[in-house]
Amino acid sequence: MNLAQKYRPLKLDEIIGQNHLIGKEATLRILIERDALLHSFLYGPPGTGKTTLARVIAKKLKRPFYELNATTIKIDELRKIFKTYQNALEKPLIFIDEVHRLSKNQQEVLLPFMENNSALIIGASTENPYYSLTSAMRSRSHLFELKSIDDNSLNRYLEKIMEKESIEIDSESKAFLISSSGGDARAMLNLLESAIALGRDVTIERLKSIRPYAMQQGSSEADSHYDLTSAMIKSIRGSDVDAGVYYLARLINGGEPPEFIARRLAILASEDVGNANPNALNLSASTLTIVKQIGYPEARIPLAQLVVYLASSPKSNSSYVAINDALKSIQDGDIHPIPSHIKTHAKDYLYPHSFGGWVKQNYLSKPMRFYKSSNIGFEKNLDEWLRRIKNVH
């Protein structure tokens, strides 16, 4: 019994959690129903229905369907498909998974067939493929993002399957099935299937013996998820090391993925520590890279190291305030011309290196000030450097 395959949606109305794309008035749905869909690339987290959507589109448009993977695809294979339908009235839908792994050579082979619409090309990726696709590919296609399936949609999907399969699950186990799957419908059904294989009575203990940590969002209660994250951030901002470590432990124990925690800490490193200790951002970037590679349980160690470091660092939000004030000024219409002497190829630009590193000249057509140093930690050094550079005492 493969629940994910057995209950894979076959129609647009059966696809769960992507109303922004395939709801009644959604653009993608209208394009599909009018058979006006151009080559498209779908991206989003695993288990959100990218392959399913491609199959449903092929069925809806009554097109022959070819499912390929960019990691194993052969150029001759593509050419053979195109040749088969060279003079046919019907054109195939070619679905390419892991599309961000397409080589430039493979993309160049696809281009002429995309240009003359020899087939409808739909690609899928867990990563935004924008930067891995050539500009020529992008200009001939649309990009659509699928989002993690929300808990309510997963709950309705799970209840329908439980009813059809005559499965009974207590509320705690059901909540864990949903919350620990992080918006991935396939992962939820795979966990349920494995638990059933161990015995018909599905318990929270059995589920946790298979999946001790959540795949994405850890806490089953949204308030707890956000409140614990907020408590950790505010404790670190307040330089309380023990409180920061405590709330980190709560998040880890609740199954929060290490990448989520590391991302939040990286934001804090820039927003709240800033140039008072610039190395905080370096350590945060390193931690984010490391935890992606090692996962739990070891990921708890670099996360704890980072929390202690950030809580112990001097704090400054000067850069954060400066960019916010600058953006607000621009959004309020405070737009001024660029001084002519710093435009491209300006003749009267004074090159600072020709003057020992600094020369007085205007870089704004009107005096403006956004950055105000906190004079804390390393920012004091930066202030001193600026004074020395400009020979100001």
Protein backbone atom coordinates (compact mmCIF):
# COMPACT_ATOMS: atom_id res chain seq x y z
CA MET A 1 0.00 0.00 0.00
CA ASN A 2 1.55 3.28 -1.14
CA LEU A 3 -0.74 5.98 0.16
CA ALA A 4 1.05 8.85 -1.60
CA GLN A 5 0.63 7.17 -4.99
CA LYS A 6 -2.85 5.85 -4.28
CA TYR A 7 -4.23 9.26 -3.34
CA ARG A 8 -2.24 11.41 -5.75
CA PRO A 9 -4.67 14.06 -7.10
CA LEU A 10 -5.88 13.52 -10.68
CA LYS A 11 -7.76 16.79 -11.18
CA LEU A 12 -7.08 20.45 -10.50
CA ASP A 13 -9.81 20.53 -7.85
CA GLU A 14 -8.16 17.64 -5.99
CA ILE A 15 -4.80 19.38 -5.61
CA ILE A 16 -4.43 20.70 -2.07
CA GLY A 17 -2.94 23.89 -0.70
CA GLN A 18 -2.13 25.84 -3.89
CA ASN A 19 -5.15 28.11 -4.21
CA HIS A 20 -2.95 31.05 -5.21
CA LEU A 21 -2.13 29.12 -8.39
CA ILE A 22 -5.14 26.90 -9.10
CA GLY A 23 -8.01 28.45 -7.18
CA LYS A 24 -11.16 29.24 -9.18
CA GLU A 25 -9.94 32.69 -10.25
CA ALA A 26 -6.17 32.03 -10.14
CA THR A 27 -4.11 32.96 -13.19
CA LEU A 28 -2.44 29.58 -13.67
CA ARG A 29 -5.76 27.75 -13.55
CA ILE A 30 -7.28 30.08 -16.15
CA LEU A 31 -4.28 29.59 -18.46
CA ILE A 32 -4.60 25.81 -18.12
CA GLU A 33 -8.35 25.77 -18.71
CA ARG A 34 -8.00 27.98 -21.79
CA ASP A 35 -5.12 25.86 -23.10
CA ALA A 36 -3.05 29.03 -23.14
CA LEU A 37 -0.24 27.91 -20.85
CA LEU A 38 3.27 28.69 -22.08
CA HIS A 39 6.41 26.81 -21.07
CA SER A 40 6.53 26.98 -17.29
CA PHE A 41 8.84 26.20 -14.40
CA LEU A 42 7.40 25.20 -11.04
CA TYR A 43 9.42 25.51 -7.87
CA GLY A 44 8.74 24.95 -4.19
CA PRO A 45 9.45 22.64 -1.24
CA PRO A 46 9.22 18.85 -1.62
CA GLY A 47 5.78 17.28 -1.43
CA THR A 48 3.87 20.37 -2.54
CA GLY A 49 2.57 18.86 -5.78
CA LYS A 50 4.91 19.97 -8.57
CA THR A 51 4.96 16.62 -10.40
CA THR A 52 1.29 16.06 -9.64
CA LEU A 53 0.40 19.45 -11.12
CA ALA A 54 2.37 18.71 -14.29
CA ARG A 55 0.57 15.37 -14.69
CA VAL A 56 -2.82 16.99 -14.11
CA ILE A 57 -2.02 19.67 -16.71
CA ALA A 58 -1.08 16.98 -19.26
CA LYS A 59 -4.31 15.13 -18.57
CA LYS A 60 -6.40 18.30 -18.70
CA LEU A 61 -4.85 19.33 -22.03
CA LYS A 62 -4.97 15.73 -23.33
CA ARG A 63 -1.29 15.74 -24.19
CA PRO A 64 1.16 12.81 -24.26
CA PHE A 65 3.21 13.02 -21.08
CA TYR A 66 6.95 12.43 -20.76
CA GLU A 67 8.55 12.56 -17.33
CA LEU A 68 12.32 13.16 -17.29
CA ASN A 69 14.95 14.14 -14.75
CA ALA A 70 17.66 16.70 -15.47
CA THR A 71 20.28 14.58 -13.68
CA THR A 72 19.85 11.63 -16.07
CA ILE A 73 18.36 13.20 -19.19
CA LYS A 74 20.16 12.56 -22.49
CA ILE A 75 20.10 14.99 -25.40
CA ASP A 76 19.42 12.14 -27.84
CA GLU A 77 16.41 11.19 -25.73
CA LEU A 78 14.99 14.69 -26.10
CA ARG A 79 15.60 14.80 -29.82
CA LYS A 80 13.91 11.42 -30.25
CA ILE A 81 10.76 12.68 -28.49
CA PHE A 82 10.65 15.82 -30.62
CA LYS A 83 11.18 13.81 -33.80
CA THR A 84 8.28 11.48 -32.92
CA TYR A 85 5.87 14.42 -32.87
CA GLN A 86 7.51 16.41 -35.65
CA ASN A 87 4.52 16.19 -38.00
CA ALA A 88 1.84 15.28 -35.47
CA LEU A 89 -1.13 17.49 -34.67
CA GLU A 90 -0.82 16.76 -30.94
CA LYS A 91 2.21 18.06 -29.10
CA PRO A 92 3.61 16.36 -25.98
CA LEU A 93 4.10 17.79 -22.52
CA ILE A 94 7.66 17.16 -21.42
CA PHE A 95 8.13 17.38 -17.67
CA ILE A 96 11.71 17.83 -16.43
CA ASP A 97 12.34 17.40 -12.72
CA GLU A 98 15.41 18.94 -11.00
CA VAL A 99 15.37 21.52 -13.78
CA HIS A 100 17.94 23.68 -12.01
CA ARG A 101 20.47 20.95 -12.88
CA LEU A 102 20.04 21.33 -16.63
CA SER A 103 23.38 22.13 -18.25
CA LYS A 104 23.68 25.07 -20.64
CA ASN A 105 24.15 22.59 -23.47
CA GLN A 106 20.88 20.85 -22.57
CA GLN A 107 19.12 24.21 -22.35
CA GLU A 108 20.42 25.19 -25.79
CA VAL A 109 19.03 21.97 -27.24
CA LEU A 110 15.60 22.75 -25.76
CA LEU A 111 15.48 26.37 -26.98
CA PRO A 112 14.52 25.88 -30.66
CA PHE A 113 11.80 23.39 -29.71
CA MET A 114 10.47 25.83 -27.11
CA GLU A 115 10.59 28.59 -29.72
CA ASN A 116 8.49 26.71 -32.27
CA ASN A 117 6.27 25.06 -29.63
CA SER A 118 7.18 21.51 -30.63
CA ALA A 119 6.25 20.58 -27.07
CA LEU A 120 5.04 22.18 -23.87
CA ILE A 121 7.99 22.19 -21.47
CA ILE A 122 7.28 22.17 -17.75
CA GLY A 123 10.16 22.02 -15.30
CA ALA A 124 10.19 21.54 -11.54
CA SER A 125 12.70 22.23 -8.81
CA THR A 126 12.90 22.54 -5.05
CA GLU A 127 15.11 25.59 -5.71
CA ASN A 128 14.19 28.78 -7.52
CA PRO A 129 15.56 27.96 -10.99
CA TYR A 130 15.70 31.62 -12.07
CA TYR A 131 19.48 31.92 -11.81
CA SER A 132 20.24 28.46 -13.19
CA LEU A 133 18.25 29.06 -16.37
CA THR A 134 19.69 31.10 -19.21
CA SER A 135 18.07 34.41 -20.09
CA ALA A 136 16.84 32.83 -23.34
CA MET A 137 15.03 30.10 -21.38
CA ARG A 138 13.53 32.62 -18.98
CA SER A 139 12.24 34.83 -21.78
CA ARG A 140 10.28 31.90 -23.23
CA SER A 141 8.66 30.72 -20.02
CA HIS A 142 6.78 31.57 -16.85
CA LEU A 143 7.86 30.86 -13.28
CA PHE A 144 5.34 29.68 -10.67
CA GLU A 145 6.04 29.11 -6.98
CA LEU A 146 4.28 26.34 -5.05
CA LYS A 147 4.12 26.90 -1.31
CA SER A 148 4.25 24.54 1.65
CA ILE A 149 0.80 23.08 2.19
CA ASP A 150 -0.93 24.70 5.13
CA ASP A 151 -2.01 22.62 8.13
CA ASN A 152 -5.74 23.00 7.44
CA SER A 153 -5.36 21.60 3.92
CA LEU A 154 -3.19 18.74 5.19
CA ASN A 155 -5.77 18.02 7.87
CA ARG A 156 -8.62 17.77 5.36
CA TYR A 157 -6.50 15.59 3.08
CA LEU A 158 -5.53 13.30 5.96
CA GLU A 159 -9.11 12.96 7.22
CA LYS A 160 -10.32 11.96 3.75
CA ILE A 161 -7.67 9.24 3.54
CA MET A 162 -8.33 8.03 7.09
CA GLU A 163 -12.00 7.66 6.25
CA LYS A 164 -11.37 5.78 3.01
CA GLU A 165 -8.77 3.50 4.59
CA SER A 166 -10.75 3.04 7.85
CA ILE A 167 -7.81 4.29 9.90
CA GLU A 168 -8.32 5.65 13.41
CA ILE A 169 -5.75 7.99 14.93
CA ASP A 170 -5.91 9.89 18.21
CA SER A 171 -5.80 13.70 18.03
CA GLU A 172 -2.23 13.97 19.37
CA SER A 173 -0.86 11.57 16.76
CA LYS A 174 -2.82 13.29 14.04
CA ALA A 175 -1.45 16.70 15.06
CA PHE A 176 2.09 15.33 15.00
CA LEU A 177 1.59 13.76 11.57
CA ILE A 178 0.60 17.15 10.20
CA SER A 179 2.93 19.48 12.08
CA SER A 180 6.08 17.37 11.72
CA SER A 181 5.65 17.07 7.95
CA GLY A 182 6.28 20.76 7.37
CA GLY A 183 3.77 21.24 4.58
CA ASP A 184 4.90 18.11 2.70
CA ALA A 185 1.88 15.92 1.90
CA ARG A 186 4.00 13.03 0.65
CA ALA A 187 6.08 13.03 3.84
CA MET A 188 2.92 12.99 5.94
CA LEU A 189 1.50 9.97 4.12
CA ASN A 190 4.84 8.15 4.14
CA LEU A 191 5.08 8.56 7.91
CA LEU A 192 1.52 7.29 8.34
CA GLU A 193 2.21 4.33 6.07
CA SER A 194 5.35 3.35 7.98
CA ALA A 195 3.53 3.62 11.32
CA ILE A 196 0.71 1.39 10.04
CA ALA A 197 3.28 -1.16 8.87
CA LEU A 198 4.36 -1.52 12.50
CA GLY A 199 0.82 -2.06 13.72
CA ARG A 200 -2.67 -0.79 13.03
CA ASP A 201 -2.81 1.29 16.19
CA VAL A 202 -0.94 4.53 15.34
CA THR A 203 0.49 6.21 18.44
CA ILE A 204 2.55 9.35 19.01
CA GLU A 205 5.38 7.19 20.38
CA ARG A 206 5.47 5.09 17.22
CA LEU A 207 5.42 8.17 14.99
CA LYS A 208 8.28 9.77 16.93
CA SER A 209 10.29 6.54 16.79
CA ILE A 210 10.21 6.91 13.01
CA ARG A 211 10.56 10.69 12.81
CA PRO A 212 12.05 12.15 15.99
CA TYR A 213 12.44 15.61 14.49
CA ALA A 214 10.09 17.69 12.38
CA MET A 215 11.01 18.12 8.73
CA GLN A 216 10.18 21.82 8.62
CA GLN A 217 7.98 23.62 11.13
CA GLY A 218 8.42 22.00 14.48
CA SER A 219 5.70 23.04 16.88
CA SER A 220 2.17 21.81 16.26
CA GLU A 221 0.84 25.08 17.66
CA ALA A 222 1.61 28.16 15.58
CA ASP A 223 1.55 30.42 18.65
CA SER A 224 4.16 28.27 20.35
CA HIS A 225 6.33 28.25 17.23
CA TYR A 226 6.36 32.04 16.90
CA ASP A 227 6.42 32.80 20.61
CA LEU A 228 9.44 30.57 21.27
CA THR A 229 11.32 32.08 18.33
CA SER A 230 10.46 35.58 19.52
CA ALA A 231 11.55 34.73 23.07
CA MET A 232 14.91 33.42 21.86
CA ILE A 233 15.56 36.48 19.70
CA LYS A 234 14.59 38.94 22.42
CA SER A 235 16.67 37.12 25.03
CA ILE A 236 19.75 37.29 22.79
CA ARG A 237 19.05 40.95 21.98
CA GLY A 238 18.87 41.54 25.73
CA SER A 239 22.25 39.78 26.22
CA ASP A 240 20.79 37.04 28.42
CA VAL A 241 22.89 34.02 27.46
CA ASP A 242 21.05 31.45 29.58
CA ALA A 243 17.60 32.53 28.40
CA GLY A 244 18.81 32.41 24.78
CA VAL A 245 20.12 28.87 25.22
CA TYR A 246 16.95 27.80 27.05
CA TYR A 247 14.64 28.93 24.25
CA LEU A 248 16.99 27.43 21.68
CA ALA A 249 16.64 24.11 23.51
CA ARG A 250 12.84 24.49 23.51
CA LEU A 251 12.87 25.04 19.75
CA ILE A 252 15.15 22.07 19.14
CA ASN A 253 13.09 19.82 21.41
CA GLY A 254 9.96 20.95 19.56
CA GLY A 255 11.47 19.77 16.30
CA GLU A 256 12.29 23.11 14.67
CA PRO A 257 14.61 22.47 11.71
CA PRO A 258 18.17 23.73 12.32
CA GLU A 259 18.10 25.76 9.08
CA PHE A 260 15.11 27.77 10.31
CA ILE A 261 16.81 28.59 13.62
CA ALA A 262 20.09 29.47 11.90
CA ARG A 263 18.32 31.80 9.46
CA ARG A 264 16.64 33.66 12.30
CA LEU A 265 19.96 34.00 14.12
CA ALA A 266 21.65 35.29 10.95
CA ILE A 267 19.03 38.03 10.68
CA LEU A 268 19.58 38.93 14.33
CA ALA A 269 23.36 39.05 13.81
CA SER A 270 22.93 41.81 11.25
CA GLU A 271 19.92 43.59 12.70
CA ASP A 272 20.86 43.65 16.39
CA VAL A 273 24.64 43.13 16.58
CA GLY A 274 25.63 44.70 13.30
CA ASN A 275 28.97 46.45 13.08
CA ALA A 276 29.34 46.50 16.84
CA ASN A 277 30.76 43.02 16.15
CA PRO A 278 30.88 42.32 12.37
CA ASN A 279 32.21 38.80 12.92
CA ALA A 280 28.78 37.84 14.27
CA LEU A 281 27.45 37.79 10.71
CA ASN A 282 30.39 35.66 9.54
CA LEU A 283 29.79 33.12 12.31
CA SER A 284 26.06 33.10 11.52
CA ALA A 285 26.74 32.41 7.83
CA SER A 286 29.10 29.58 8.76
CA THR A 287 26.56 28.11 11.17
CA LEU A 288 23.82 28.19 8.54
CA THR A 289 26.08 26.32 6.11
CA ILE A 290 27.18 23.77 8.72
CA VAL A 291 23.73 22.89 10.08
CA LYS A 292 22.45 22.30 6.55
CA GLN A 293 25.15 19.68 6.12
CA ILE A 294 25.06 17.86 9.44
CA GLY A 295 21.47 18.12 10.70
CA TYR A 296 20.36 16.96 14.12
CA PRO A 297 21.44 15.92 16.67
CA GLU A 298 24.90 17.46 16.06
CA ALA A 299 23.46 20.72 14.70
CA ARG A 300 22.46 21.66 18.25
CA ILE A 301 26.15 22.33 19.06
CA PRO A 302 26.99 25.06 16.49
CA LEU A 303 23.55 26.58 17.10
CA ALA A 304 24.29 26.82 20.83
CA GLN A 305 27.74 28.27 20.10
CA LEU A 306 26.17 30.94 17.91
CA VAL A 307 23.49 31.82 20.47
CA VAL A 308 26.11 32.27 23.21
CA TYR A 309 28.28 34.38 20.87
CA LEU A 310 25.44 36.64 19.76
CA ALA A 311 24.08 37.14 23.28
CA SER A 312 27.58 38.03 24.50
CA SER A 313 28.29 40.48 21.67
CA PRO A 314 27.90 44.27 21.89
CA LYS A 315 24.68 45.35 20.19
CA SER A 316 23.97 47.95 17.54
CA ASN A 317 21.02 48.39 15.20
CA SER A 318 22.53 51.44 13.46
CA SER A 319 22.71 49.80 10.02
CA TYR A 320 19.18 48.44 10.39
CA VAL A 321 17.81 51.88 11.28
CA ALA A 322 19.84 53.56 8.51
CA ILE A 323 18.49 51.41 5.66
CA ASN A 324 14.93 51.62 6.99
CA ASP A 325 15.14 55.42 7.17
CA ALA A 326 16.69 55.65 3.69
CA LEU A 327 13.98 53.42 2.19
CA LYS A 328 11.23 55.44 3.92
CA SER A 329 12.72 58.65 2.58
CA ILE A 330 12.72 57.30 -0.98
CA GLN A 331 9.21 55.88 -0.66
CA ASP A 332 8.04 59.28 0.59
CA GLY A 333 9.28 60.79 -2.68
CA ASP A 334 12.62 62.19 -1.54
CA ILE A 335 14.31 61.49 -4.88
CA HIS A 336 17.26 63.65 -5.97
CA PRO A 337 19.38 63.67 -9.11
CA ILE A 338 22.79 62.00 -9.08
CA PRO A 339 25.55 64.64 -9.12
CA SER A 340 27.01 64.80 -12.62
CA HIS A 341 30.61 64.25 -11.47
CA ILE A 342 29.87 60.71 -10.14
CA LYS A 343 27.89 59.49 -13.14
CA THR A 344 29.36 56.91 -15.50
CA HIS A 345 32.38 58.24 -17.47
CA ALA A 346 32.22 61.62 -15.69
CA LYS A 347 35.20 63.83 -16.61
CA ASP A 348 35.34 65.82 -13.38
CA TYR A 349 35.18 62.90 -10.93
CA LEU A 350 37.91 63.08 -8.29
CA TYR A 351 39.48 59.63 -7.84
CA PRO A 352 40.11 59.28 -4.06
CA HIS A 353 43.17 57.05 -4.54
CA SER A 354 44.86 59.90 -6.41
CA PHE A 355 44.51 62.02 -3.29
CA GLY A 356 45.90 59.62 -0.72
CA GLY A 357 42.62 57.74 -0.17
CA TRP A 358 40.12 60.54 0.33
CA VAL A 359 39.17 63.85 -1.26
CA LYS A 360 36.31 66.14 -0.41
CA GLN A 361 33.48 66.04 -2.97
CA ASN A 362 29.70 65.70 -2.88
CA TYR A 363 28.08 62.31 -3.50
CA LEU A 364 24.53 63.56 -2.89
CA SER A 365 22.90 66.55 -4.57
CA LYS A 366 21.29 67.40 -1.23
CA PRO A 367 22.74 66.73 2.25
CA MET A 368 21.04 63.71 3.82
CA ARG A 369 21.82 61.67 6.91
CA PHE A 370 20.55 58.19 7.71
CA TYR A 371 23.38 56.47 9.59
CA LYS A 372 24.00 57.33 13.23
CA SER A 373 26.71 55.30 14.92
CA SER A 374 25.95 53.69 18.26
CA ASN A 375 29.60 54.25 19.24
CA ILE A 376 29.53 50.71 20.67
CA GLY A 377 32.00 47.88 20.11
CA PHE A 378 33.65 47.77 16.70
CA GLU A 379 31.50 50.67 15.51
CA LYS A 380 33.79 52.89 17.61
CA ASN A 381 36.68 51.66 15.45
CA LEU A 382 34.73 52.40 12.27
CA ASP A 383 33.99 55.91 13.54
CA GLU A 384 37.67 56.44 14.24
CA TRP A 385 38.65 55.13 10.80
CA LEU A 386 36.24 57.58 9.16
CA ARG A 387 37.64 60.47 11.18
CA ARG A 388 41.18 59.52 10.23
CA ILE A 389 40.30 59.04 6.55
CA LYS A 390 38.70 62.46 6.41
CA ASN A 391 41.32 64.01 8.73
CA VAL A 392 38.60 65.15 11.11
CA HIS A 393 39.49 65.65 14.77
